[in-house]
Amino acid sequence: MQKLKLLWSSFAFAALILSSVVLVPNFAQARQGSDTSIDDDSDQDKVEDADKEENEEGQEIDDQDGLADHKPCVNTLVNGHLYKTGTEATVYMSSHCILKPFRGQAVFHSRGLKFENITIFETLPIGVTMSDKPMLPADGTLVKGQDKTVWFVDNNGHRRGFVTEDVFKKLGFTFDKVQDISETDLAEIPTDTNVVDELHHPDGSLIKCGTSADVFIVIGAKKFPFANADAFKSRGHSFEHILQVDCGRFSYPASTTIK
């Protein structure tokens, strides 16, 4: 299995001044959150079915935008590919076989994208629909709008604030990874509960251990490894959002590989 290599020297981070960033959001919500013996073939089948479901979940758990399959849609679009129409300046991405617009360069670059390999339609093909909902930052992204609140975008596409700067830093987050996005795009991201636990990363966090080349996404207190760089990038992730953590302190059980 090809390991995901990280070339940190190739990254250019935009530095943010610490004093200009506030971590406590203006909301507070609450969320509430056996050993089995195998006696016969029926039980064995149940275990095998559960394993199959977990393996399938591992491929879909980190693809909320439907970008990773790169399979042609009935309307000729390919999910995860970039498109433009005529002389229009707006760039779109195919998500679930629908064109979603990028309303500014901030979200575009937060997904690690470049203005290349864009398919240009002279006229919109029959059956292709344009969404009024824009593409938003991928899970694992830190964002802020015009005010000083920093938000984490989780694997469900929700934004979560940090209760303290101490929690933010102890989880391995740094202020130079925060992406500025428009208030219009920020308003499209639903709010969710605050990040209060300094011992467990919020779902959607991208982590690596020390000098290891393996990269994982944390979902449900498990870590899902990416098989290779394509599996990582095809889901809209950017290398800039990976946290380098002490995996002795953050010990998550490994789950299925994301391919």
Protein backbone atom coordinates (compact mmCIF):
# COMPACT_ATOMS: atom_id res chain seq x y z
CA MET A 1 0.00 0.00 0.00
CA GLN A 2 1.41 3.36 -1.03
CA LYS A 3 1.86 5.65 1.96
CA LEU A 4 0.84 9.29 1.86
CA LYS A 5 3.99 11.39 1.83
CA LEU A 6 3.96 14.92 3.14
CA LEU A 7 6.27 17.50 1.65
CA TRP A 8 5.98 20.19 4.27
CA SER A 9 8.54 22.41 2.56
CA SER A 10 6.13 22.88 -0.34
CA PHE A 11 3.45 24.46 1.80
CA ALA A 12 3.06 28.20 2.22
CA PHE A 13 0.99 29.16 5.21
CA ALA A 14 -0.61 32.57 5.62
CA ALA A 15 0.29 33.72 9.12
CA LEU A 16 -2.44 35.14 11.33
CA ILE A 17 -1.75 37.34 14.34
CA LEU A 18 -2.71 35.51 17.52
CA SER A 19 -4.24 38.56 19.17
CA SER A 20 -6.63 39.01 16.24
CA VAL A 21 -8.32 35.64 16.71
CA VAL A 22 -11.02 34.86 19.26
CA LEU A 23 -11.99 31.28 19.90
CA VAL A 24 -15.26 31.50 21.82
CA PRO A 25 -18.28 31.56 19.46
CA ASN A 26 -21.52 33.35 20.23
CA PHE A 27 -23.56 30.25 20.80
CA ALA A 28 -23.79 27.37 23.25
CA GLN A 29 -25.53 24.15 22.43
CA ALA A 30 -25.67 20.74 24.09
CA ARG A 31 -25.62 17.31 22.58
CA GLN A 32 -26.15 14.07 24.41
CA GLY A 33 -24.43 11.92 23.36
CA SER A 34 -20.19 -6.20 24.75
CA ASP A 35 -18.45 -8.74 23.97
CA THR A 36 -20.27 -11.19 21.67
CA SER A 37 -19.60 -14.91 21.44
CA ILE A 38 -20.13 -16.74 18.13
CA ASP A 39 -22.25 -19.81 18.76
CA ASP A 40 -23.18 -20.91 15.24
CA ASP A 41 -22.95 -20.15 11.55
CA SER A 42 -25.79 -17.63 11.82
CA ASP A 43 -23.83 -15.58 14.31
CA GLN A 44 -20.75 -15.84 12.11
CA ASP A 45 -22.76 -14.48 9.17
CA LYS A 46 -23.89 -11.55 11.30
CA VAL A 47 -20.30 -10.72 12.19
CA GLU A 48 -19.23 -10.96 8.55
CA ASP A 49 -22.11 -8.68 7.51
CA ALA A 50 -21.08 -6.16 10.18
CA ASP A 51 -17.49 -6.26 8.91
CA LYS A 52 -18.74 -5.67 5.36
CA GLU A 53 -20.82 -2.69 6.47
CA GLU A 54 -17.82 -1.22 8.31
CA ASN A 55 -15.63 -1.62 5.22
CA GLU A 56 -18.25 0.10 3.05
CA GLU A 57 -18.63 2.84 5.66
CA GLY A 58 -14.89 3.41 5.56
CA GLN A 59 -15.12 4.34 1.89
CA GLU A 60 -18.13 6.64 2.32
CA ILE A 61 -17.57 8.12 5.76
CA ASP A 62 -15.26 10.83 4.45
CA ASP A 63 -17.06 11.68 1.21
CA GLN A 64 -20.02 13.86 2.18
CA ASP A 65 -19.75 15.82 -1.09
CA GLY A 66 -19.72 12.69 -3.27
CA LEU A 67 -16.41 13.63 -4.90
CA ALA A 68 -14.28 10.54 -4.51
CA ASP A 69 -15.73 8.08 -7.00
CA HIS A 70 -14.81 10.14 -10.12
CA LYS A 71 -17.41 8.18 -12.05
CA PRO A 72 -19.27 9.82 -14.96
CA CYS A 73 -22.80 10.91 -14.13
CA VAL A 74 -25.71 10.29 -16.47
CA ASN A 75 -25.57 14.00 -17.39
CA THR A 76 -21.84 13.67 -18.42
CA LEU A 77 -20.46 15.42 -15.32
CA VAL A 78 -17.74 13.71 -13.29
CA ASN A 79 -17.92 14.22 -9.54
CA GLY A 80 -14.92 16.08 -8.16
CA HIS A 81 -14.10 17.72 -11.51
CA LEU A 82 -14.08 21.47 -12.16
CA TYR A 83 -16.23 23.23 -14.77
CA LYS A 84 -16.97 26.65 -16.26
CA THR A 85 -19.59 27.77 -18.76
CA GLY A 86 -18.88 30.06 -21.70
CA THR A 87 -17.06 33.25 -20.70
CA GLU A 88 -18.45 33.17 -17.14
CA ALA A 89 -15.74 33.60 -14.51
CA THR A 90 -17.38 31.36 -11.88
CA VAL A 91 -15.80 27.95 -11.35
CA TYR A 92 -18.05 25.03 -10.41
CA MET A 93 -17.41 21.58 -9.00
CA SER A 94 -19.55 18.54 -9.69
CA SER A 95 -20.91 17.27 -6.38
CA HIS A 96 -23.49 14.46 -6.46
CA CYS A 97 -23.79 15.14 -10.23
CA ILE A 98 -24.82 18.78 -9.67
CA LEU A 99 -22.66 21.84 -10.35
CA LYS A 100 -21.94 23.82 -7.20
CA PRO A 101 -20.25 27.23 -7.50
CA PHE A 102 -17.21 28.56 -5.69
CA ARG A 103 -18.17 32.09 -4.65
CA GLY A 104 -14.61 33.18 -3.99
CA GLN A 105 -11.02 32.02 -4.05
CA ALA A 106 -10.86 31.40 -0.27
CA VAL A 107 -12.97 28.21 -0.27
CA PHE A 108 -11.43 27.13 -3.58
CA HIS A 109 -7.90 27.29 -2.19
CA SER A 110 -8.94 25.86 1.20
CA ARG A 111 -9.65 22.61 -0.69
CA GLY A 112 -6.13 22.58 -2.12
CA LEU A 113 -7.38 23.31 -5.64
CA LYS A 114 -5.65 25.11 -8.50
CA PHE A 115 -7.09 26.87 -11.52
CA GLU A 116 -6.20 24.08 -13.91
CA ASN A 117 -7.86 21.09 -15.58
CA ILE A 118 -11.15 22.99 -15.81
CA THR A 119 -13.67 21.75 -18.36
CA ILE A 120 -15.36 24.63 -20.21
CA PHE A 121 -18.85 24.18 -21.65
CA GLU A 122 -19.85 26.53 -24.46
CA THR A 123 -23.44 25.93 -23.36
CA LEU A 124 -24.74 23.99 -20.40
CA PRO A 125 -25.38 20.34 -21.39
CA ILE A 126 -28.92 19.01 -21.22
CA GLY A 127 -29.65 17.52 -17.82
CA VAL A 128 -26.93 19.46 -15.98
CA THR A 129 -28.24 21.40 -12.99
CA MET A 130 -26.56 24.34 -11.26
CA SER A 131 -27.09 24.53 -7.51
CA ASP A 132 -27.70 27.78 -5.65
CA LYS A 133 -25.78 26.22 -2.75
CA PRO A 134 -22.02 26.88 -2.99
CA MET A 135 -19.11 24.53 -2.43
CA LEU A 136 -17.95 24.90 1.16
CA PRO A 137 -14.68 24.10 2.98
CA ALA A 138 -13.91 20.41 3.36
CA ASP A 139 -14.05 18.73 6.76
CA GLY A 140 -10.94 19.32 8.82
CA THR A 141 -10.74 23.00 7.81
CA LEU A 142 -10.41 25.92 10.24
CA VAL A 143 -12.33 28.98 9.07
CA LYS A 144 -13.30 32.46 10.21
CA GLY A 145 -15.49 35.19 8.81
CA GLN A 146 -15.23 38.93 9.38
CA ASP A 147 -15.30 38.64 13.16
CA LYS A 148 -12.63 36.95 15.26
CA THR A 149 -14.34 33.62 15.93
CA VAL A 150 -12.47 30.54 14.68
CA TRP A 151 -14.56 27.55 13.59
CA PHE A 152 -13.72 23.92 12.85
CA VAL A 153 -15.63 22.31 9.95
CA ASP A 154 -16.51 18.74 10.96
CA ASN A 155 -17.26 15.66 8.85
CA ASN A 156 -20.98 16.51 8.74
CA GLY A 157 -20.29 19.92 7.23
CA HIS A 158 -21.06 21.76 10.48
CA ARG A 159 -18.92 24.45 12.11
CA ARG A 160 -17.91 24.13 15.74
CA GLY A 161 -16.24 26.73 17.93
CA PHE A 162 -13.54 26.17 20.55
CA VAL A 163 -14.39 27.01 24.16
CA THR A 164 -10.84 28.11 25.00
CA GLU A 165 -7.54 28.82 23.33
CA ASP A 166 -6.02 26.11 25.54
CA VAL A 167 -8.30 23.41 24.05
CA PHE A 168 -7.50 24.68 20.55
CA LYS A 169 -3.74 24.41 21.08
CA LYS A 170 -3.72 21.13 23.04
CA LEU A 171 -5.50 19.42 20.15
CA GLY A 172 -2.64 20.53 17.91
CA PHE A 173 -4.41 23.29 15.99
CA THR A 174 -2.46 26.40 15.02
CA PHE A 175 -3.65 29.84 13.96
CA ASP A 176 -1.66 29.87 10.72
CA LYS A 177 -4.03 27.23 9.33
CA VAL A 178 -7.16 29.39 9.66
CA GLN A 179 -8.83 30.25 6.34
CA ASP A 180 -10.73 33.52 5.92
CA ILE A 181 -14.02 33.02 4.06
CA SER A 182 -16.88 35.36 3.23
CA GLU A 183 -19.72 35.93 5.68
CA THR A 184 -22.10 34.66 2.98
CA ASP A 185 -20.29 31.32 2.73
CA LEU A 186 -19.86 31.10 6.50
CA ALA A 187 -23.61 31.52 6.97
CA GLU A 188 -24.17 28.46 4.75
CA ILE A 189 -22.37 26.24 7.29
CA PRO A 190 -24.69 25.18 10.15
CA THR A 191 -23.42 25.65 13.69
CA ASP A 192 -22.99 22.70 16.05
CA THR A 193 -21.75 22.08 19.59
CA ASN A 194 -18.54 23.63 20.89
CA VAL A 195 -15.26 21.72 20.93
CA VAL A 196 -14.66 21.25 24.66
CA ASP A 197 -12.58 18.04 24.92
CA GLU A 198 -8.82 18.50 24.75
CA LEU A 199 -8.24 14.71 24.70
CA HIS A 200 -10.32 13.82 21.62
CA HIS A 201 -10.31 15.52 18.25
CA PRO A 202 -13.60 16.58 16.68
CA ASP A 203 -14.87 14.32 13.91
CA GLY A 204 -13.26 15.24 10.62
CA SER A 205 -9.83 16.08 12.06
CA LEU A 206 -6.87 15.07 9.88
CA ILE A 207 -3.89 13.80 11.88
CA LYS A 208 -0.49 12.21 11.51
CA CYS A 209 1.87 10.88 14.16
CA GLY A 210 5.31 12.49 14.40
CA THR A 211 7.45 11.65 11.38
CA SER A 212 5.17 8.85 10.15
CA ALA A 213 3.92 9.17 6.57
CA ASP A 214 0.47 7.78 7.44
CA VAL A 215 -2.40 10.24 7.52
CA PHE A 216 -5.75 9.55 9.20
CA ILE A 217 -9.14 11.16 9.57
CA VAL A 218 -10.73 10.92 13.02
CA ILE A 219 -14.38 9.82 13.00
CA GLY A 220 -16.26 8.53 16.04
CA ALA A 221 -13.09 8.24 18.16
CA LYS A 222 -11.51 5.98 15.49
CA LYS A 223 -8.81 6.81 12.98
CA PHE A 224 -9.34 5.92 9.32
CA PRO A 225 -6.10 5.79 7.29
CA PHE A 226 -5.91 7.08 3.71
CA ALA A 227 -4.50 4.53 1.30
CA ASN A 228 -2.63 7.13 -0.72
CA ALA A 229 -2.50 10.77 -1.74
CA ASP A 230 -5.27 10.37 -4.33
CA ALA A 231 -7.68 8.98 -1.74
CA PHE A 232 -6.87 12.02 0.42
CA LYS A 233 -7.06 14.74 -2.25
CA SER A 234 -10.07 13.32 -4.08
CA ARG A 235 -12.19 14.00 -0.99
CA GLY A 236 -11.38 17.70 -1.08
CA HIS A 237 -8.70 17.71 1.62
CA SER A 238 -5.64 19.93 1.65
CA PHE A 239 -2.28 18.92 3.14
CA GLU A 240 -2.26 22.23 5.02
CA HIS A 241 -5.00 21.00 7.34
CA ILE A 242 -3.14 17.96 8.71
CA LEU A 243 -2.33 18.08 12.42
CA GLN A 244 0.94 16.60 13.60
CA VAL A 245 0.09 15.07 16.98
CA ASP A 246 1.57 12.94 19.72
CA CYS A 247 -0.12 9.59 19.10
CA GLY A 248 0.97 8.40 22.52
CA ARG A 249 -1.35 11.04 23.94
CA PHE A 250 -4.03 10.68 21.28
CA SER A 251 -4.53 6.94 20.93
CA TYR A 252 -7.37 6.09 18.54
CA PRO A 253 -8.13 2.53 17.40
CA ALA A 254 -7.48 2.08 13.68
CA SER A 255 -10.42 1.38 11.38
CA THR A 256 -10.84 0.60 7.68
CA THR A 257 -8.61 2.14 5.03
CA ILE A 258 -10.10 4.89 2.85
CA LYS A 259 -9.23 4.15 -0.79
